[in-house]
Amino acid sequence: MDAPTLWKKSSFSGGGEGNDCVEIADLDTHIRVRDSKAPARATLTFPAGAFASFVDALKTRPLPR
């Protein structure tokens, strides 16, 4: 049996219960992503390097006005 996955929620999850976001799980070589409103549904899995590049691109992109 696989070890349980530890999910982390963004600090920008919104008010209330903080359920308006995605959660990620770091599995060393891969990153899993799921919808915090529907955690039992399917997850997306990305190679860790590709996910890191995606996050870096989000950090450097200007926010829409």
C-alpha atoms as a PDB file:
ATOM      1  CA  MET A   1       0.000   0.000   0.000  1.00  0.00           C
ATOM      2  CA  ASP A   2       1.251   3.517  -0.805  1.00  0.00           C
ATOM      3  CA  ALA A   3       2.104   5.930   1.987  1.00  0.00           C
ATOM      4  CA  PRO A   4      -0.541   8.589   2.636  1.00  0.00           C
ATOM      5  CA  THR A   5      -0.140  11.765   0.614  1.00  0.00           C
ATOM      6  CA  LEU A   6       0.393  15.013   2.535  1.00  0.00           C
ATOM      7  CA  TRP A   7      -1.559  17.783   0.845  1.00  0.00           C
ATOM      8  CA  LYS A   8      -0.676  21.465   1.269  1.00  0.00           C
ATOM      9  CA  LYS A   9      -3.099  24.275   0.626  1.00  0.00           C
ATOM     10  CA  SER A  10      -2.051  27.665  -0.715  1.00  0.00           C
ATOM     11  CA  SER A  11      -1.788  30.555   1.735  1.00  0.00           C
ATOM     12  CA  PHE A  12      -3.884  32.482  -0.824  1.00  0.00           C
ATOM     13  CA  SER A  13      -6.897  30.196  -0.412  1.00  0.00           C
ATOM     14  CA  GLY A  14      -9.469  32.898   0.171  1.00  0.00           C
ATOM     15  CA  GLY A  15     -11.670  33.545   3.168  1.00  0.00           C
ATOM     16  CA  GLY A  16     -13.953  31.289   5.153  1.00  0.00           C
ATOM     17  CA  GLU A  17     -12.936  27.659   5.057  1.00  0.00           C
ATOM     18  CA  GLY A  18     -10.189  28.425   2.539  1.00  0.00           C
ATOM     19  CA  ASN A  19     -11.605  25.959   0.028  1.00  0.00           C
ATOM     20  CA  ASP A  20     -11.277  28.141  -3.075  1.00  0.00           C
ATOM     21  CA  CYS A  21      -7.955  26.851  -4.309  1.00  0.00           C
ATOM     22  CA  VAL A  22      -5.878  23.910  -5.327  1.00  0.00           C
ATOM     23  CA  GLU A  23      -3.771  21.723  -3.081  1.00  0.00           C
ATOM     24  CA  ILE A  24      -0.416  20.188  -3.933  1.00  0.00           C
ATOM     25  CA  ALA A  25       1.477  17.150  -2.714  1.00  0.00           C
ATOM     26  CA  ASP A  26       5.246  16.895  -3.208  1.00  0.00           C
ATOM     27  CA  LEU A  27       6.208  13.329  -4.108  1.00  0.00           C
ATOM     28  CA  ASP A  28       9.923  14.089  -4.724  1.00  0.00           C
ATOM     29  CA  THR A  29      10.009  13.373  -8.470  1.00  0.00           C
ATOM     30  CA  HIS A  30       6.399  14.407  -9.155  1.00  0.00           C
ATOM     31  CA  ILE A  31       3.872  16.948  -7.906  1.00  0.00           C
ATOM     32  CA  ARG A  32       0.200  16.048  -7.514  1.00  0.00           C
ATOM     33  CA  VAL A  33      -2.483  18.749  -7.784  1.00  0.00           C
ATOM     34  CA  ARG A  34      -6.143  18.534  -6.751  1.00  0.00           C
ATOM     35  CA  ASP A  35      -9.160  20.782  -6.283  1.00  0.00           C
ATOM     36  CA  SER A  36      -9.638  21.576  -2.595  1.00  0.00           C
ATOM     37  CA  LYS A  37     -13.446  21.634  -3.076  1.00  0.00           C
ATOM     38  CA  ALA A  38     -13.463  18.088  -4.446  1.00  0.00           C
ATOM     39  CA  PRO A  39     -10.487  16.242  -2.917  1.00  0.00           C
ATOM     40  CA  ALA A  40     -11.863  12.785  -3.696  1.00  0.00           C
ATOM     41  CA  ARG A  41     -11.936  13.483  -7.434  1.00  0.00           C
ATOM     42  CA  ALA A  42      -9.086  12.952  -9.865  1.00  0.00           C
ATOM     43  CA  THR A  43      -5.676  14.556  -9.407  1.00  0.00           C
ATOM     44  CA  LEU A  44      -3.166  15.838 -11.928  1.00  0.00           C
ATOM     45  CA  THR A  45       0.448  14.702 -11.718  1.00  0.00           C
ATOM     46  CA  PHE A  46       3.399  16.639 -13.136  1.00  0.00           C
ATOM     47  CA  PRO A  47       7.150  16.020 -13.165  1.00  0.00           C
ATOM     48  CA  ALA A  48       8.643  18.138 -10.355  1.00  0.00           C
ATOM     49  CA  GLY A  49      10.879  20.112 -12.741  1.00  0.00           C
ATOM     50  CA  ALA A  50       7.991  21.042 -15.029  1.00  0.00           C
ATOM     51  CA  PHE A  51       5.868  22.145 -12.081  1.00  0.00           C
ATOM     52  CA  ALA A  52       8.733  24.250 -10.693  1.00  0.00           C
ATOM     53  CA  SER A  53       9.104  25.980 -14.079  1.00  0.00           C
ATOM     54  CA  PHE A  54       5.347  26.662 -14.138  1.00  0.00           C
ATOM     55  CA  VAL A  55       5.419  28.214 -10.645  1.00  0.00           C
ATOM     56  CA  ASP A  56       8.484  30.312 -11.525  1.00  0.00           C
ATOM     57  CA  ALA A  57       6.694  31.625 -14.618  1.00  0.00           C
ATOM     58  CA  LEU A  58       3.676  32.597 -12.496  1.00  0.00           C
ATOM     59  CA  LYS A  59       5.907  34.498 -10.089  1.00  0.00           C
ATOM     60  CA  THR A  60       7.531  36.582 -12.835  1.00  0.00           C
ATOM     61  CA  ARG A  61       4.397  37.282 -14.867  1.00  0.00           C
ATOM     62  CA  PRO A  62       2.710  40.634 -14.165  1.00  0.00           C
ATOM     63  CA  LEU A  63      -0.729  40.437 -12.588  1.00  0.00           C
ATOM     64  CA  PRO A  64      -3.673  41.484 -14.812  1.00  0.00           C
ATOM     65  CA  ARG A  65      -5.184  44.872 -14.024  1.00  0.00           C
END
